[in-house]
Structures are given as structure tokens and as C-alpha cells.
N, C-alpha and C. Protein backbone atom coordinates (compact mmCIF):
# COMPACT_ATOMS: atom_id res chain seq x y z
N UNK A 1 0.23 -6.97 -5.58
CA UNK A 1 0.45 -8.18 -4.87
C UNK A 1 -0.83 -8.56 -4.06
N UNK A 2 -0.93 -9.82 -3.16
CA UNK A 2 -1.85 -10.16 -2.86
C UNK A 2 -2.10 -10.40 -1.55
N UNK A 3 -2.81 -10.57 -0.89
CA UNK A 3 -3.44 -10.68 0.58
C UNK A 3 -3.67 -12.12 0.72
N UNK A 4 -3.94 -13.13 -0.17
CA UNK A 4 -4.29 -14.53 0.23
C UNK A 4 -5.46 -14.46 -0.50
N UNK A 5 -6.12 -13.61 -1.06
CA UNK A 5 -7.58 -13.99 -1.71
C UNK A 5 -7.19 -12.81 -2.53
N UNK A 6 -8.68 -13.15 -3.53
CA UNK A 6 -8.69 -11.63 -4.55
C UNK A 6 -9.24 -10.59 -3.88
N UNK A 7 -9.08 -9.29 -4.04
CA UNK A 7 -9.45 -8.10 -3.26
C UNK A 7 -10.50 -7.72 -3.67
N UNK A 8 -10.83 -7.82 -5.06
CA UNK A 8 -12.32 -7.18 -5.53
C UNK A 8 -12.51 -6.00 -5.29
N UNK A 9 -13.50 -5.41 -5.46
CA UNK A 9 -13.43 -3.86 -5.80
C UNK A 9 -13.84 -3.25 -4.21
N UNK A 10 -14.07 -3.98 -3.22
CA UNK A 10 -13.86 -3.23 -1.83
C UNK A 10 -12.56 -3.05 -1.38
N UNK A 11 -12.00 -4.33 -1.69
CA UNK A 11 -10.32 -4.52 -1.20
C UNK A 11 -9.81 -3.82 -2.01
N UNK A 12 -9.99 -3.34 -3.25
CA UNK A 12 -9.20 -2.37 -4.02
C UNK A 12 -9.10 -0.77 -3.52
N UNK A 13 -10.55 -0.38 -2.97
CA UNK A 13 -10.99 0.77 -2.30
C UNK A 13 -10.29 0.98 -1.20
N UNK A 14 -10.35 -0.01 -0.52
CA UNK A 14 -9.64 0.28 0.85
C UNK A 14 -7.94 0.31 0.80
N UNK A 15 -7.41 -0.61 -0.14
CA UNK A 15 -6.09 -0.73 -0.41
C UNK A 15 -5.79 1.07 -0.99
N UNK A 16 -6.63 1.46 -1.84
CA UNK A 16 -6.36 2.84 -2.52
C UNK A 16 -6.48 3.89 -1.59
N UNK A 17 -7.06 4.01 -0.82
CA UNK A 17 -7.77 4.72 0.48
C UNK A 17 -6.52 4.86 1.65
N UNK A 18 -5.96 3.42 1.78
CA UNK A 18 -4.88 3.27 2.85
C UNK A 18 -3.68 3.97 2.27
N UNK A 19 -3.25 4.00 1.01
CA UNK A 19 -2.08 4.33 0.58
C UNK A 19 -2.27 6.14 0.71
N UNK A 20 -3.29 6.39 0.33
CA UNK A 20 -3.71 8.06 0.33
C UNK A 20 -3.73 8.36 2.11
N UNK A 21 -4.20 7.62 2.64
CA UNK A 21 -4.01 8.11 4.34
C UNK A 21 -2.82 7.86 4.83
N UNK A 22 -1.64 6.99 4.28
CA UNK A 22 -0.25 7.19 4.85
C UNK A 22 0.59 8.09 4.11
N UNK A 23 0.06 8.78 2.89
CA UNK A 23 0.65 9.93 2.17
C UNK A 23 0.18 11.26 3.18
N UNK A 24 -1.13 11.29 3.76
CA UNK A 24 -1.33 12.26 4.33
C UNK A 24 -0.73 12.14 6.00
N UNK A 25 -0.69 10.83 6.43
CA UNK A 25 0.40 10.91 7.52
C UNK A 25 1.77 11.44 7.60
N UNK A 26 2.49 11.04 6.38
CA UNK A 26 3.64 11.48 6.15
C UNK A 26 3.38 12.82 6.34
N UNK A 27 2.42 13.42 5.38
CA UNK A 27 2.67 14.82 5.26
C UNK A 27 2.15 15.77 6.53
N UNK A 28 1.68 15.08 7.37
CA UNK A 28 1.42 16.18 8.60
C UNK A 28 2.83 15.57 9.55
N UNK A 29 3.61 14.43 9.66
CA UNK A 29 4.70 14.41 9.98
C UNK A 29 5.74 15.17 9.68
N UNK A 30 6.22 15.15 8.60
CA UNK A 30 6.85 16.71 8.22
C UNK A 30 6.52 17.86 8.24
N UNK A 31 5.10 18.22 8.39
CA UNK A 31 4.76 19.41 9.09
C UNK A 31 5.36 19.68 10.47
N UNK A 32 5.23 18.42 11.19
CA UNK A 32 5.00 18.69 12.54
C UNK A 32 6.98 18.75 12.56
N UNK A 33 7.59 18.25 12.29
CA UNK A 33 8.99 17.96 12.09
C UNK A 33 9.75 19.16 11.91
N UNK A 34 8.84 19.46 11.01
CA UNK A 34 9.53 21.33 9.95
C UNK A 34 9.12 22.28 11.08
N UNK A 35 7.99 22.29 11.92
CA UNK A 35 7.67 23.19 13.25
C UNK A 35 8.78 22.99 14.30
N UNK A 36 8.99 21.91 14.66
CA UNK A 36 10.13 21.85 15.57
C UNK A 36 11.65 22.38 15.19
N UNK A 37 11.91 21.88 13.78
CA UNK A 37 13.25 22.63 13.24
C UNK A 37 13.36 23.66 13.12
N UNK A 38 12.33 24.44 12.69
CA UNK A 38 12.04 26.00 12.56
C UNK A 38 10.78 26.67 13.44
N UNK A 39 10.96 26.70 14.61
CA UNK A 39 9.71 27.39 15.33
C UNK A 39 9.64 28.30 14.78
N UNK A 40 10.63 29.47 14.30
CA UNK A 40 10.06 31.10 13.67
C UNK A 40 9.45 30.93 12.82
N UNK A 41 9.59 29.78 11.69
CA UNK A 41 8.21 30.03 10.62
C UNK A 41 7.18 29.14 10.63
N UNK A 42 7.23 28.73 12.48
CA UNK A 42 6.03 28.29 12.37
C UNK A 42 4.73 28.76 13.13
N UNK A 43 5.52 30.07 13.30
CA UNK A 43 4.34 31.16 14.06
C UNK A 43 3.32 31.74 12.90
N UNK A 44 4.13 31.53 11.65
CA UNK A 44 3.27 32.05 10.47
C UNK A 44 1.89 31.04 10.19
N UNK A 45 2.14 29.83 10.71
CA UNK A 45 1.18 28.81 10.43
C UNK A 45 0.18 28.95 10.98
N UNK A 46 -1.14 28.39 10.87
CA UNK A 46 -2.49 28.38 11.31
C UNK A 46 -2.23 27.23 12.31
N UNK A 47 -1.94 26.12 12.19
CA UNK A 47 -1.77 24.86 12.83
C UNK A 47 -0.54 24.74 14.00
N UNK A 48 -0.42 23.87 14.59
CA UNK A 48 0.37 23.92 16.14
C UNK A 48 1.47 22.58 15.67
N UNK A 49 2.10 22.42 16.27
CA UNK A 49 2.88 21.43 16.12
C UNK A 49 2.17 20.02 16.28
N UNK A 50 1.46 19.92 17.81
CA UNK A 50 0.87 18.82 18.26
C UNK A 50 -0.50 18.84 17.62
N UNK A 51 -0.99 19.55 16.69
CA UNK A 51 -1.73 19.58 15.80
C UNK A 51 -1.78 18.63 14.43
N UNK A 52 -0.20 18.59 14.16
CA UNK A 52 0.20 18.04 12.79
C UNK A 52 0.51 16.61 13.61
N UNK A 53 0.81 16.48 14.52
CA UNK A 53 1.46 15.29 15.47
C UNK A 53 0.16 14.25 15.30
N UNK A 54 -0.72 15.20 16.00
CA UNK A 54 -1.95 14.30 16.44
C UNK A 54 -2.52 13.57 14.41
N UNK A 55 -2.36 15.12 14.04
CA UNK A 55 -2.93 14.30 12.65
C UNK A 55 -2.27 13.43 11.68
N UNK A 56 -0.59 13.38 12.04
CA UNK A 56 0.03 12.17 11.20
C UNK A 56 -0.18 10.93 12.06
N UNK A 57 -0.58 10.96 13.69
CA UNK A 57 -0.77 9.83 14.30
C UNK A 57 -2.43 9.24 13.97
N UNK A 58 -3.47 10.37 13.73
CA UNK A 58 -4.53 9.86 13.13
C UNK A 58 -4.48 9.00 11.73
N UNK A 59 -4.18 9.67 10.98
CA UNK A 59 -3.93 9.21 9.04
C UNK A 59 -3.39 8.07 9.35
N UNK A 60 -2.21 7.97 10.03
CA UNK A 60 -1.60 6.36 10.02
C UNK A 60 -2.29 5.37 10.51
N UNK A 61 -3.11 5.55 11.84
CA UNK A 61 -3.81 4.55 12.07
C UNK A 61 -5.18 4.20 11.11
N UNK A 62 -5.80 5.11 10.77
CA UNK A 62 -6.96 4.79 9.60
C UNK A 62 -6.19 4.04 8.57
N UNK A 63 -5.11 4.43 7.95
CA UNK A 63 -4.15 3.82 7.15
C UNK A 63 -3.94 2.12 7.28
N UNK A 64 -3.51 2.27 8.63
CA UNK A 64 -4.00 0.74 9.30
C UNK A 64 -4.77 -0.43 8.79
N UNK A 65 -5.83 0.27 9.33
CA UNK A 65 -7.21 -0.20 9.70
C UNK A 65 -7.53 -0.40 8.10
N UNK A 66 -7.39 0.44 7.28
CA UNK A 66 -8.09 0.30 6.00
C UNK A 66 -7.20 -0.78 5.14
N UNK A 67 -5.98 -1.17 5.38
CA UNK A 67 -5.48 -1.99 5.30
C UNK A 67 -5.36 -3.22 5.77
N UNK A 68 -6.05 -3.48 6.85
CA UNK A 68 -6.46 -4.51 7.88
C UNK A 68 -8.08 -5.13 7.18
N UNK A 69 -8.59 -4.13 6.45
CA UNK A 69 -9.90 -4.13 5.72
C UNK A 69 -9.61 -4.98 4.42
N UNK A 70 -8.62 -4.82 3.90
CA UNK A 70 -8.31 -4.69 2.41
C UNK A 70 -8.39 -6.69 2.36
């Protein structure tokens, strides 16, 4: 796909990293929702639901910023 101009290598790297950050955000979101669904299993983990939720938000924000730079 195209964003109205040729990406070049910097745009390609930003696009690839944006996809990676969106995947990390999804990973954190699933971990947070899983901890909410089964709180007894969450006690065995080192992270918390709030920590995973903030990780999901930060990763999604970085993904948006990188896609804006692409």
C-alpha cells in the first residue's frame, strides 16, 4: 500500500516497527484481559493488570506515532 509518497528505507523501518508495536500492544491487552477474567491465575504472574493495561496503551501510542512518521 502507499501513503501518497514513496516510503524509502526510513518509512519502511517505521512501518515495520509500527506493526511490531501494535502486536506488542495486542499482547499486553490480552494479558490484561486474561488477568481480569481469571484473577486467581494472575497472582502467579509478576505483572499486574494495570501494568499490562499501561503497556498496551504505550505500545499502541508508539505504533500510531511510528505510522505517522512512515
